[in-house]
Protein backbone atom coordinates (compact mmCIF):
# COMPACT_ATOMS: atom_id res chain seq x y z
CA MET A 1 19.07 -42.50 90.54
CA THR A 2 20.41 -39.33 88.90
CA VAL A 3 23.08 -41.35 87.09
CA LEU A 4 20.45 -43.73 85.70
CA LEU A 5 18.33 -40.81 84.47
CA VAL A 6 21.30 -39.26 82.68
CA LEU A 7 22.17 -42.58 81.06
CA ALA A 8 18.56 -43.06 79.95
CA MET A 9 18.47 -39.60 78.35
CA PHE A 10 21.78 -40.26 76.57
CA LEU A 11 20.39 -43.52 75.20
CA VAL A 12 17.27 -41.77 73.88
CA PHE A 13 19.32 -39.11 72.07
CA ALA A 14 21.60 -41.75 70.58
CA LEU A 15 18.63 -43.74 69.25
CA VAL A 16 17.10 -40.62 67.68
CA ASP A 17 20.38 -39.74 65.95
CA TRP A 18 20.73 -43.31 64.67
CA ALA A 19 17.17 -43.34 63.31
CA LEU A 20 17.70 -40.10 61.39
CA SER A 21 20.86 -41.24 59.66
CA HIS A 22 20.55 -45.03 59.35
CA LYS A 23 20.22 -46.27 55.81
CA GLU A 24 17.20 -48.41 56.53
CA MET A 25 15.15 -45.34 57.38
CA PRO A 26 12.50 -44.77 54.69
CA ALA A 27 12.75 -41.58 52.70
CA THR A 28 10.10 -38.90 53.00
CA GLN A 29 7.34 -38.46 50.46
CA THR A 30 7.66 -34.68 50.57
CA VAL A 31 7.93 -33.11 47.13
CA PRO A 32 10.85 -30.65 47.03
CA ASP A 33 10.05 -27.03 46.43
CA THR A 34 10.49 -26.08 42.80
CA PRO A 35 13.28 -23.50 42.61
CA PRO A 36 11.84 -20.20 41.35
CA ILE A 37 12.86 -19.40 37.79
CA ASP A 38 15.34 -16.55 37.96
CA ALA A 39 17.10 -14.98 35.01
CA ALA A 40 20.34 -15.43 36.94
CA ASP A 41 19.71 -19.19 36.97
CA SER A 42 19.14 -19.42 33.21
CA VAL A 43 21.78 -20.26 30.63
CA TYR A 44 20.63 -20.06 27.01
CA GLY A 45 17.13 -20.38 28.46
CA PHE A 46 17.88 -23.58 30.39
CA HIS A 47 17.11 -23.40 34.10
CA VAL A 48 20.05 -24.36 36.37
CA PRO A 49 19.18 -23.47 40.00
CA GLU A 50 22.23 -22.53 42.03
CA LYS A 51 21.15 -24.43 45.14
CA LEU A 52 21.57 -27.81 43.41
CA ARG A 53 24.68 -29.81 42.53
CA TYR A 54 25.17 -31.12 38.99
CA HIS A 55 26.89 -34.09 37.37
CA PRO A 56 28.20 -33.95 33.76
CA GLY A 57 25.60 -36.61 32.85
CA HIS A 58 22.86 -34.00 33.49
CA GLY A 59 21.67 -35.35 36.82
CA TRP A 60 21.13 -33.06 39.80
CA VAL A 61 21.54 -33.76 43.52
CA MET A 62 19.90 -32.07 46.49
CA ARG A 63 20.99 -32.92 50.03
CA GLU A 64 17.97 -33.47 52.28
CA ARG A 65 19.77 -34.35 55.49
CA LYS A 66 22.81 -36.28 56.66
CA ASN A 67 23.58 -39.08 54.17
CA ILE A 68 20.22 -38.67 52.37
CA VAL A 69 19.94 -37.02 48.93
CA ARG A 70 17.29 -36.57 46.27
CA ILE A 71 18.21 -36.79 42.59
CA GLY A 72 16.68 -35.99 39.21
CA ILE A 73 17.56 -34.73 35.72
CA ASP A 74 18.25 -31.13 34.79
CA ASP A 75 16.18 -28.87 32.56
CA PHE A 76 18.44 -29.41 29.54
CA ALA A 77 18.07 -33.20 29.76
CA ALA A 78 14.32 -32.94 30.29
CA ARG A 79 13.86 -30.81 27.16
CA LEU A 80 16.23 -32.96 25.11
CA ALA A 81 14.36 -36.11 26.18
CA GLY A 82 11.06 -34.42 25.41
CA LYS A 83 7.81 -36.38 25.33
CA ILE A 84 8.93 -39.71 26.69
CA GLU A 85 6.37 -42.48 26.99
CA SER A 86 7.76 -44.25 30.05
CA ILE A 87 10.65 -44.33 32.46
CA GLU A 88 12.35 -47.34 34.06
CA LEU A 89 13.86 -46.62 37.48
CA PRO A 90 15.96 -48.88 39.71
CA LYS A 91 14.28 -50.60 42.65
CA PRO A 92 14.62 -49.59 46.30
CA GLY A 93 17.57 -51.39 47.83
CA GLN A 94 19.62 -51.29 44.63
CA TRP A 95 23.12 -49.82 44.88
CA LEU A 96 24.04 -47.23 42.27
CA ARG A 97 27.55 -46.15 41.46
CA GLN A 98 28.34 -42.63 40.33
CA GLY A 99 28.46 -42.56 36.54
CA GLN A 100 26.66 -45.92 36.24
CA ARG A 101 23.78 -46.19 33.78
CA SER A 102 20.90 -46.33 36.20
CA TRP A 103 17.59 -45.53 34.51
CA LYS A 104 16.02 -45.60 31.06
CA LEU A 105 13.77 -43.22 29.17
CA LEU A 106 11.63 -44.73 26.40
CA ARG A 107 10.16 -42.98 23.38
CA ASN A 108 8.92 -44.28 20.04
CA ASN A 109 10.55 -47.68 20.62
CA GLN A 110 13.88 -45.99 21.31
CA THR A 111 15.75 -45.93 24.60
CA ALA A 112 17.92 -43.31 26.24
CA GLU A 113 19.97 -44.24 29.29
CA MET A 114 21.19 -41.85 31.96
CA VAL A 115 23.84 -42.21 34.65
CA SER A 116 23.52 -41.73 38.38
CA PRO A 117 25.04 -38.44 39.56
CA ILE A 118 26.06 -39.95 42.91
CA GLU A 119 26.78 -43.28 44.58
CA GLY A 120 24.42 -44.81 47.12
CA GLU A 121 21.51 -47.11 47.89
CA VAL A 122 18.09 -46.36 46.46
CA LEU A 123 15.65 -45.66 49.26
CA GLU A 124 12.57 -44.56 47.36
CA ILE A 125 11.51 -43.85 43.79
CA ASN A 126 8.97 -41.24 42.75
CA PRO A 127 5.79 -43.16 41.80
CA ASP A 128 4.21 -40.03 40.32
CA VAL A 129 6.87 -39.58 37.64
CA VAL A 130 6.59 -43.27 36.72
CA LYS A 131 2.83 -42.86 36.23
CA ASP A 132 3.16 -39.49 34.50
CA PRO A 133 6.56 -39.07 32.77
CA SER A 134 5.53 -35.61 31.53
CA LEU A 135 6.48 -34.35 35.01
CA LEU A 136 10.09 -34.61 33.91
CA ARG A 137 9.48 -31.86 31.36
CA SER A 138 7.04 -29.71 33.29
CA ASP A 139 8.82 -29.74 36.66
CA PRO A 140 12.25 -31.47 36.55
CA TYR A 141 13.41 -29.92 39.83
CA GLY A 142 10.15 -30.41 41.72
CA GLN A 143 7.45 -33.00 41.08
CA GLY A 144 9.63 -34.62 38.43
CA TRP A 145 12.29 -35.80 40.91
CA LEU A 146 13.37 -39.42 40.39
CA MET A 147 14.53 -41.03 43.65
CA THR A 148 16.16 -40.63 47.03
CA LEU A 149 19.41 -42.35 47.98
CA HIS A 150 21.31 -43.17 51.13
CA VAL A 151 24.87 -41.96 50.55
CA PRO A 152 27.35 -43.25 53.18
CA ASP A 153 30.32 -41.31 51.74
CA GLU A 154 28.96 -37.87 50.98
CA GLU A 155 32.36 -36.21 50.63
CA GLY A 156 33.85 -38.89 48.41
CA THR A 157 30.92 -39.03 45.99
CA THR A 158 30.69 -35.27 45.44
CA ARG A 159 34.17 -34.98 43.94
CA ASN A 160 32.91 -35.53 40.40
CA PHE A 161 30.24 -32.85 40.62
CA ILE A 162 30.68 -29.75 38.51
CA PRO A 163 32.06 -27.01 40.79
CA GLY A 164 29.45 -24.36 41.43
CA TYR A 165 31.47 -21.58 39.81
CA LEU A 166 31.76 -23.64 36.61
CA VAL A 167 28.10 -24.63 36.22
CA ARG A 168 27.15 -21.70 33.99
CA GLY A 169 30.14 -22.21 31.73
CA TRP A 170 29.40 -25.93 31.54
CA MET A 171 25.79 -25.34 30.52
CA GLU A 172 26.86 -22.76 27.95
CA SER A 173 29.23 -25.29 26.36
CA VAL A 174 26.49 -27.95 26.35
CA ALA A 175 24.00 -25.63 24.66
CA GLU A 176 26.60 -24.50 22.13
CA LYS A 177 27.43 -28.14 21.38
CA LEU A 178 23.76 -28.76 20.66
CA TYR A 179 23.54 -25.73 18.38
CA ALA A 180 26.80 -26.57 16.62
CA ARG A 181 25.54 -30.08 15.81
CA GLN A 182 23.47 -28.42 13.13
CA PRO A 183 23.49 -24.65 12.42
CA GLU A 184 19.72 -24.28 12.51
CA PHE A 185 19.50 -25.73 16.03
CA ALA A 186 19.73 -22.32 17.67
CA GLY A 187 16.55 -21.12 15.99
CA ALA A 188 14.70 -24.42 16.12
CA VAL A 189 14.87 -24.93 19.86
CA ALA A 190 13.42 -21.56 20.83
CA ALA A 191 9.67 -21.13 21.19
CA ASP A 192 10.26 -17.51 22.21
CA PRO A 193 13.53 -15.58 22.22
CA GLY A 194 15.82 -17.33 24.71
CA VAL A 195 13.24 -19.91 25.81
CA PRO A 196 13.88 -23.50 24.61
CA VAL A 197 10.89 -25.56 23.56
CA GLU A 198 9.79 -28.42 25.79
CA ASP A 199 10.67 -31.08 23.22
CA ILE A 200 13.89 -30.26 21.36
CA ALA A 201 14.00 -33.54 19.41
CA GLU A 202 10.47 -33.02 18.12
CA ALA A 203 11.19 -29.43 17.09
CA LEU A 204 14.22 -30.64 15.16
CA GLN A 205 12.34 -33.59 13.69
CA GLU A 206 15.16 -35.75 14.97
CA LYS A 207 14.55 -39.41 14.05
CA ASP A 208 17.53 -40.99 15.83
CA TRP A 209 16.57 -39.90 19.33
CA THR A 210 18.84 -42.45 21.01
CA ALA A 211 21.90 -41.12 19.19
CA LEU A 212 20.98 -37.53 19.95
CA THR A 213 20.55 -38.10 23.67
CA SER A 214 23.63 -40.32 23.97
CA GLU A 215 25.81 -37.41 22.85
CA PHE A 216 24.88 -35.55 26.03
CA PHE A 217 23.86 -38.15 28.62
CA LEU A 218 27.33 -39.80 28.78
């Protein structure tokens, strides 16, 4: 009898562990906490929270639990994209490869495409950001998240992330590239000293928005 009880308990624990990590498990609807804005997390006024991982295509990744991550776009990308009119996200069940063009931002009949920062299967998309794309600008690390993915090979798909100790230098080079594109960029993007405006393209009166974004979104 004791042996049967032990076996039953082992089976229960095994089922619980499987349910938490299996790819068919639906993602949670919980909105991630917005990282507090800290001067230490800002580079040229762009917010880059240390607790997140970043891809050169300006996507961020946050690990929720084993094999489950949440992704979105960083503050620089959100401000460069500006006042988009709609966003096209992949459907649940779709497999995304790291560096693959995976979603589209639309503005004034122009399209900007962005790449997935990690490889995995889409579990859930954020319906709120689809209904209200302005969340990308107002809260890119919180309510403006894009989707959750099941990532079978967590170690293998994090190799192309920017190492944590290089994130600040990377963002500095990105901002300097933006400013160097046209000398007056440095003054045009700041609403207040050191604080970029929410819509960089609009501030610069940039007509070819697709070309501008493609320079930075890979």
